N, C-alpha and C. Protein backbone atom coordinates (compact mmCIF):
# COMPACT_ATOMS: atom_id res chain seq x y z
N MET A 1 5.34 6.78 0.57
CA MET A 1 4.68 5.75 1.33
C MET A 1 5.73 5.01 2.14
N VAL A 2 5.42 4.72 3.38
CA VAL A 2 6.31 3.97 4.26
C VAL A 2 5.49 2.89 4.95
N MET A 3 6.00 1.66 4.94
CA MET A 3 5.36 0.56 5.66
C MET A 3 6.20 0.30 6.90
N GLU A 4 5.57 0.34 8.07
CA GLU A 4 6.27 0.12 9.33
C GLU A 4 5.72 -1.11 10.02
N ARG A 5 6.49 -1.63 10.98
CA ARG A 5 6.07 -2.76 11.80
C ARG A 5 5.63 -3.94 10.95
N GLN A 6 6.48 -4.33 10.03
CA GLN A 6 6.24 -5.47 9.14
C GLN A 6 4.96 -5.32 8.34
N GLY A 7 4.68 -4.09 7.92
CA GLY A 7 3.53 -3.84 7.07
C GLY A 7 2.25 -3.51 7.80
N LYS A 8 2.26 -3.49 9.12
CA LYS A 8 1.03 -3.24 9.87
C LYS A 8 0.63 -1.77 9.86
N VAL A 9 1.59 -0.88 9.62
CA VAL A 9 1.32 0.55 9.64
C VAL A 9 1.71 1.15 8.29
N LEU A 10 0.78 1.85 7.68
CA LEU A 10 1.03 2.54 6.42
C LEU A 10 1.06 4.03 6.70
N ARG A 11 2.13 4.70 6.31
CA ARG A 11 2.23 6.15 6.47
C ARG A 11 2.46 6.79 5.11
N LEU A 12 1.83 7.93 4.90
CA LEU A 12 1.99 8.67 3.66
C LEU A 12 2.88 9.88 3.91
N LEU A 13 3.75 10.16 2.96
CA LEU A 13 4.62 11.32 3.09
C LEU A 13 3.86 12.59 2.71
N ALA A 14 2.94 12.50 1.80
CA ALA A 14 2.05 13.60 1.42
C ALA A 14 0.80 12.97 0.82
N GLU A 15 -0.35 13.53 1.07
CA GLU A 15 -1.59 12.93 0.60
C GLU A 15 -1.70 12.96 -0.92
N ASN A 16 -1.90 11.78 -1.52
CA ASN A 16 -2.12 11.56 -2.95
C ASN A 16 -0.98 11.98 -3.86
N LYS A 17 0.04 12.64 -3.37
CA LYS A 17 1.14 13.08 -4.22
C LYS A 17 2.44 12.77 -3.51
N LEU A 18 3.03 11.63 -3.79
CA LEU A 18 4.16 11.16 -3.01
C LEU A 18 5.50 11.29 -3.71
N ALA A 19 5.51 11.29 -4.99
CA ALA A 19 6.78 11.31 -5.71
C ALA A 19 6.61 12.04 -7.03
N GLU A 20 7.69 12.39 -7.62
CA GLU A 20 7.63 13.05 -8.92
C GLU A 20 8.43 12.26 -9.92
N SER A 21 7.93 12.21 -11.13
CA SER A 21 8.64 11.57 -12.23
C SER A 21 8.85 12.61 -13.32
N ARG A 22 9.35 12.19 -14.44
CA ARG A 22 9.56 13.14 -15.53
C ARG A 22 8.25 13.71 -16.04
N GLN A 23 7.18 12.93 -15.96
CA GLN A 23 5.88 13.39 -16.44
C GLN A 23 5.14 14.24 -15.41
N GLY A 24 5.61 14.31 -14.19
CA GLY A 24 4.94 15.06 -13.13
C GLY A 24 4.73 14.19 -11.92
N GLU A 25 3.67 14.45 -11.20
CA GLU A 25 3.44 13.75 -9.94
C GLU A 25 2.83 12.37 -10.16
N VAL A 26 3.25 11.43 -9.35
CA VAL A 26 2.72 10.06 -9.39
C VAL A 26 1.68 9.95 -8.28
N ASP A 27 0.50 9.43 -8.59
CA ASP A 27 -0.54 9.38 -7.56
C ASP A 27 -0.45 8.11 -6.71
N LEU A 28 -1.18 8.13 -5.63
CA LEU A 28 -1.14 7.04 -4.66
C LEU A 28 -1.64 5.73 -5.25
N ASP A 29 -2.62 5.76 -6.13
CA ASP A 29 -3.12 4.53 -6.76
C ASP A 29 -2.00 3.81 -7.51
N HIS A 30 -1.23 4.55 -8.25
CA HIS A 30 -0.12 3.97 -9.02
C HIS A 30 0.94 3.38 -8.09
N ILE A 31 1.26 4.10 -7.04
CA ILE A 31 2.27 3.62 -6.09
C ILE A 31 1.80 2.36 -5.38
N MET A 32 0.53 2.32 -4.96
CA MET A 32 0.01 1.14 -4.28
C MET A 32 -0.04 -0.06 -5.23
N ALA A 33 -0.41 0.16 -6.48
CA ALA A 33 -0.44 -0.93 -7.46
C ALA A 33 0.97 -1.50 -7.66
N ASP A 34 1.96 -0.64 -7.72
CA ASP A 34 3.35 -1.10 -7.84
C ASP A 34 3.78 -1.88 -6.61
N PHE A 35 3.36 -1.43 -5.43
CA PHE A 35 3.70 -2.13 -4.20
C PHE A 35 3.07 -3.53 -4.18
N VAL A 36 1.81 -3.63 -4.59
CA VAL A 36 1.13 -4.93 -4.61
C VAL A 36 1.86 -5.89 -5.54
N GLN A 37 2.25 -5.40 -6.70
CA GLN A 37 2.98 -6.25 -7.65
C GLN A 37 4.31 -6.71 -7.04
N THR A 38 5.00 -5.81 -6.37
CA THR A 38 6.27 -6.13 -5.72
C THR A 38 6.07 -7.17 -4.63
N PHE A 39 5.00 -7.02 -3.84
CA PHE A 39 4.69 -7.97 -2.77
C PHE A 39 4.37 -9.35 -3.36
N ARG A 40 3.57 -9.38 -4.40
CA ARG A 40 3.18 -10.66 -5.00
C ARG A 40 4.34 -11.35 -5.70
N ASN A 41 5.35 -10.59 -6.10
CA ASN A 41 6.56 -11.17 -6.69
C ASN A 41 7.57 -11.60 -5.62
N LYS A 42 7.20 -11.45 -4.35
CA LYS A 42 8.03 -11.81 -3.20
C LYS A 42 9.33 -11.01 -3.12
N SER A 43 9.29 -9.77 -3.61
CA SER A 43 10.46 -8.90 -3.50
C SER A 43 10.51 -8.20 -2.15
N VAL A 44 9.37 -8.04 -1.51
CA VAL A 44 9.30 -7.50 -0.14
C VAL A 44 8.42 -8.43 0.68
N PHE A 45 8.71 -8.54 1.97
CA PHE A 45 7.95 -9.42 2.87
C PHE A 45 7.79 -10.82 2.27
N ALA A 46 8.87 -11.37 1.78
CA ALA A 46 8.85 -12.65 1.07
C ALA A 46 8.30 -13.81 1.92
N GLU A 47 8.48 -13.74 3.23
CA GLU A 47 8.04 -14.83 4.10
C GLU A 47 6.55 -14.77 4.43
N LYS A 48 5.88 -13.66 4.10
CA LYS A 48 4.47 -13.51 4.45
C LYS A 48 3.56 -13.95 3.31
N LYS A 49 2.46 -14.61 3.68
CA LYS A 49 1.45 -15.01 2.70
C LYS A 49 0.36 -13.95 2.58
N ARG A 50 0.26 -13.12 3.59
CA ARG A 50 -0.70 -12.03 3.56
C ARG A 50 -0.12 -10.84 4.29
N LEU A 51 -0.57 -9.68 3.92
CA LEU A 51 -0.12 -8.45 4.54
C LEU A 51 -1.33 -7.79 5.17
N LEU A 52 -1.27 -7.54 6.46
CA LEU A 52 -2.38 -6.96 7.21
C LEU A 52 -1.99 -5.54 7.63
N ILE A 53 -2.74 -4.58 7.14
CA ILE A 53 -2.49 -3.18 7.51
C ILE A 53 -3.54 -2.77 8.52
N LYS A 54 -3.09 -2.47 9.73
CA LYS A 54 -3.98 -2.11 10.82
C LYS A 54 -4.13 -0.60 10.97
N GLU A 55 -3.08 0.14 10.66
CA GLU A 55 -3.12 1.59 10.79
C GLU A 55 -2.82 2.22 9.44
N TYR A 56 -3.69 3.10 9.00
CA TYR A 56 -3.53 3.73 7.70
C TYR A 56 -4.30 5.05 7.71
N PRO A 57 -3.86 6.01 6.91
CA PRO A 57 -4.60 7.26 6.81
C PRO A 57 -5.90 7.06 6.03
N ILE A 58 -6.92 7.78 6.38
CA ILE A 58 -8.21 7.69 5.70
C ILE A 58 -8.04 7.97 4.21
N ALA A 59 -7.14 8.87 3.86
CA ALA A 59 -6.92 9.23 2.46
C ALA A 59 -6.41 8.06 1.62
N ALA A 60 -5.90 7.02 2.26
CA ALA A 60 -5.34 5.87 1.54
C ALA A 60 -6.36 4.77 1.28
N GLU A 61 -7.55 4.86 1.84
CA GLU A 61 -8.52 3.77 1.72
C GLU A 61 -8.86 3.43 0.27
N ALA A 62 -9.15 4.40 -0.54
CA ALA A 62 -9.52 4.13 -1.94
C ALA A 62 -8.36 3.50 -2.69
N ALA A 63 -7.15 3.99 -2.47
CA ALA A 63 -5.97 3.44 -3.15
C ALA A 63 -5.72 1.99 -2.71
N LEU A 64 -5.94 1.68 -1.44
CA LEU A 64 -5.77 0.31 -0.95
C LEU A 64 -6.76 -0.62 -1.66
N ARG A 65 -8.02 -0.22 -1.70
CA ARG A 65 -9.05 -1.04 -2.38
C ARG A 65 -8.73 -1.19 -3.86
N ASN A 66 -8.37 -0.11 -4.52
CA ASN A 66 -8.08 -0.16 -5.96
C ASN A 66 -6.88 -1.04 -6.27
N ALA A 67 -5.95 -1.14 -5.33
CA ALA A 67 -4.74 -1.94 -5.55
C ALA A 67 -4.95 -3.42 -5.28
N GLY A 68 -6.08 -3.79 -4.65
CA GLY A 68 -6.36 -5.20 -4.41
C GLY A 68 -6.45 -5.60 -2.95
N PHE A 69 -6.30 -4.66 -2.04
CA PHE A 69 -6.48 -4.96 -0.62
C PHE A 69 -7.96 -5.17 -0.34
N VAL A 70 -8.27 -6.05 0.60
CA VAL A 70 -9.65 -6.35 0.99
C VAL A 70 -9.86 -5.85 2.40
N LYS A 71 -10.98 -5.17 2.63
CA LYS A 71 -11.26 -4.67 3.97
C LYS A 71 -11.87 -5.78 4.82
N GLU A 72 -11.27 -6.03 5.97
CA GLU A 72 -11.78 -7.00 6.95
C GLU A 72 -11.97 -6.26 8.26
N ILE A 73 -13.19 -5.94 8.58
CA ILE A 73 -13.61 -5.15 9.72
C ILE A 73 -12.97 -3.77 9.63
N THR A 74 -11.89 -3.48 10.37
CA THR A 74 -11.26 -2.16 10.29
C THR A 74 -9.89 -2.21 9.62
N ASP A 75 -9.43 -3.39 9.24
CA ASP A 75 -8.11 -3.56 8.67
C ASP A 75 -8.21 -3.81 7.16
N TYR A 76 -7.08 -3.66 6.48
CA TYR A 76 -6.99 -4.03 5.07
C TYR A 76 -6.00 -5.17 4.92
N VAL A 77 -6.37 -6.17 4.11
CA VAL A 77 -5.55 -7.37 3.94
C VAL A 77 -5.26 -7.57 2.46
N LEU A 78 -4.02 -7.96 2.19
CA LEU A 78 -3.61 -8.32 0.83
C LEU A 78 -3.07 -9.72 0.87
N TYR A 79 -3.66 -10.60 0.07
CA TYR A 79 -3.21 -11.97 -0.02
C TYR A 79 -2.31 -12.13 -1.22
N ARG A 80 -1.27 -12.93 -1.06
CA ARG A 80 -0.33 -13.16 -2.15
C ARG A 80 -1.03 -13.95 -3.20
């Protein structure tokens, strides 16, 4: 997963299977949940109170919702 343009663009390196761990492949839901926790702890984008993703792959929609992003019209928003 790569966040570009201060979080406005989400790009996936491979659909639903982005990294490997000792147990096997880590899914997108797990990665997005970790990102949300990191954002809320102010470890990334510390100056932002919300993160607005305007461009994202369709395959990421369920993972965004499951991680806590809220859909606002065509964008996804995460509030700290």
